Protein backbone atom coordinates (compact mmCIF):
# COMPACT_ATOMS: atom_id res chain seq x y z
CA MET A 1 -0.06 0.14 0.14
CA SER A 2 1.21 3.46 -0.76
CA ILE A 3 0.83 6.59 0.76
CA PRO A 4 -1.80 8.88 -0.71
CA PRO A 5 -0.32 11.93 -2.79
CA TYR A 6 -1.89 14.22 -0.20
CA ALA A 7 -0.09 12.95 2.49
CA ALA A 8 3.30 12.68 0.83
CA LYS A 9 4.18 16.32 2.34
CA LEU A 10 3.55 16.98 5.64
CA GLY A 11 2.05 20.51 6.55
CA ASP A 12 4.09 23.55 8.34
CA PRO A 13 1.94 24.87 11.64
CA GLU A 14 3.61 28.21 10.83
CA ARG A 15 2.33 28.18 6.76
CA GLY A 16 -0.80 27.06 8.23
CA SER A 17 -1.40 29.81 10.65
CA ALA A 18 -1.41 32.08 7.74
CA VAL A 19 -3.61 30.00 5.61
CA TYR A 20 -5.97 29.75 8.65
CA ALA A 21 -5.62 33.66 8.93
CA ALA A 22 -6.43 34.20 5.49
CA ALA A 23 -8.94 31.41 4.71
CA CYS A 24 -10.53 30.56 7.91
CA ALA A 25 -10.60 33.15 10.89
CA SER A 26 -13.39 35.31 9.39
CA CYS A 27 -15.84 32.88 10.50
CA HIS A 28 -13.58 30.92 13.25
CA GLY A 29 -12.44 34.09 14.72
CA ALA A 30 -8.42 35.09 14.61
CA ASP A 31 -7.48 32.35 17.19
CA GLY A 32 -9.85 29.61 15.89
CA GLY A 33 -12.11 29.87 19.39
CA GLY A 34 -15.07 30.77 17.71
CA GLY A 35 -16.40 33.82 15.64
CA PRO A 36 -19.34 35.68 14.10
CA LYS A 37 -20.48 32.65 11.53
CA ALA A 38 -18.75 29.48 13.36
CA ARG A 39 -17.98 27.76 16.41
CA SER A 40 -14.53 27.26 18.00
CA ILE A 41 -12.41 24.79 15.87
CA VAL A 42 -9.95 24.36 18.62
CA ASP A 43 -12.01 23.07 21.16
CA PRO A 44 -9.89 20.66 22.86
CA SER A 45 -12.87 17.74 23.30
CA TYR A 46 -13.70 18.39 19.13
CA LEU A 47 -9.76 18.07 18.69
CA ALA A 48 -9.20 15.05 21.21
CA LEU A 49 -12.03 13.08 19.15
CA VAL A 50 -11.35 13.78 15.69
CA SER A 51 -8.38 12.50 13.40
CA ASP A 52 -6.20 14.62 11.51
CA GLN A 53 -7.74 13.08 8.22
CA HIS A 54 -11.35 14.41 9.74
CA LEU A 55 -9.86 17.75 9.57
CA ARG A 56 -8.33 17.47 6.21
CA THR A 57 -11.77 16.04 4.82
CA THR A 58 -13.42 18.88 6.76
CA VAL A 59 -11.56 21.62 5.13
CA ILE A 60 -11.72 19.93 1.65
CA ALA A 61 -15.35 18.97 1.88
CA GLY A 62 -16.54 21.83 3.85
CA ARG A 63 -19.65 21.52 5.84
CA SER A 64 -22.72 22.66 4.23
CA ASP A 65 -24.89 22.09 6.77
CA PHE A 66 -23.22 24.54 8.80
CA GLY A 67 -22.61 26.87 5.72
CA MET A 68 -18.76 26.19 5.65
CA PRO A 69 -17.13 26.35 1.92
CA ASP A 70 -15.09 23.70 0.79
CA TRP A 71 -11.57 24.25 -0.12
CA ARG A 72 -12.64 26.01 -3.49
CA GLY A 73 -14.24 28.71 -1.54
CA GLN A 74 -12.73 29.57 1.70
CA ILE A 75 -10.05 32.49 -0.21
CA ALA A 76 -12.27 34.51 -2.63
CA GLY A 77 -11.11 34.16 -6.34
CA ARG A 78 -8.89 30.87 -6.04
CA ALA A 79 -8.90 27.67 -4.31
CA LEU A 80 -6.66 26.17 -1.73
CA ALA A 81 -3.71 24.36 -3.07
CA PRO A 82 -2.98 21.12 -1.42
CA GLN A 83 0.28 22.46 0.48
CA GLU A 84 -2.24 24.73 2.31
CA ILE A 85 -4.74 22.25 3.37
CA SER A 86 -1.76 20.09 4.85
CA ASP A 87 -0.69 23.48 6.36
CA VAL A 88 -3.79 24.59 8.03
CA VAL A 89 -4.37 20.85 9.42
CA ALA A 90 -0.97 21.13 10.84
CA TRP A 91 -1.73 24.12 12.45
CA LEU A 92 -4.85 22.78 13.76
CA VAL A 93 -2.86 19.86 15.16
CA THR A 94 -0.76 21.97 17.19
CA LYS A 95 -4.10 23.21 19.20
CA ARG A 96 -4.58 19.45 20.31
CA ALA A 97 -4.03 18.18 23.80
CA PRO A 98 -1.86 15.39 24.13
CA VAL A 99 -4.12 12.26 24.39
CA PRO A 100 -2.63 9.19 26.18
CA GLY A 101 -2.47 6.30 23.38
CA ARG A 102 -2.11 8.63 20.45
CA PRO A 103 0.74 9.06 18.40
CA GLY A 104 2.67 12.38 20.09
CA GLY A 105 -0.01 12.18 23.15
CA ALA A 106 1.01 11.94 26.56
């Protein structure tokens, strides 16, 4: 089994912070804690329950049930590049509290 192409390059949380600011902060707030249109994306309970792949899928597919645009509509005039998606997921992962038993957890 080979690694999927989208997983070949790891995201960079520092770049992800800039992607988040451009693509997500207007709804989720500057720090991810909730904003005018959307709830917190950095809620510890939420991040403890979801996988990195779930975060990636949410960025790519959006959440039409909540009015969240998909990867093509998060920045006006252009779609997020695959690396930008990986970067914003990496930024979100840095907000996750360590969970015993999870790789990188306590």
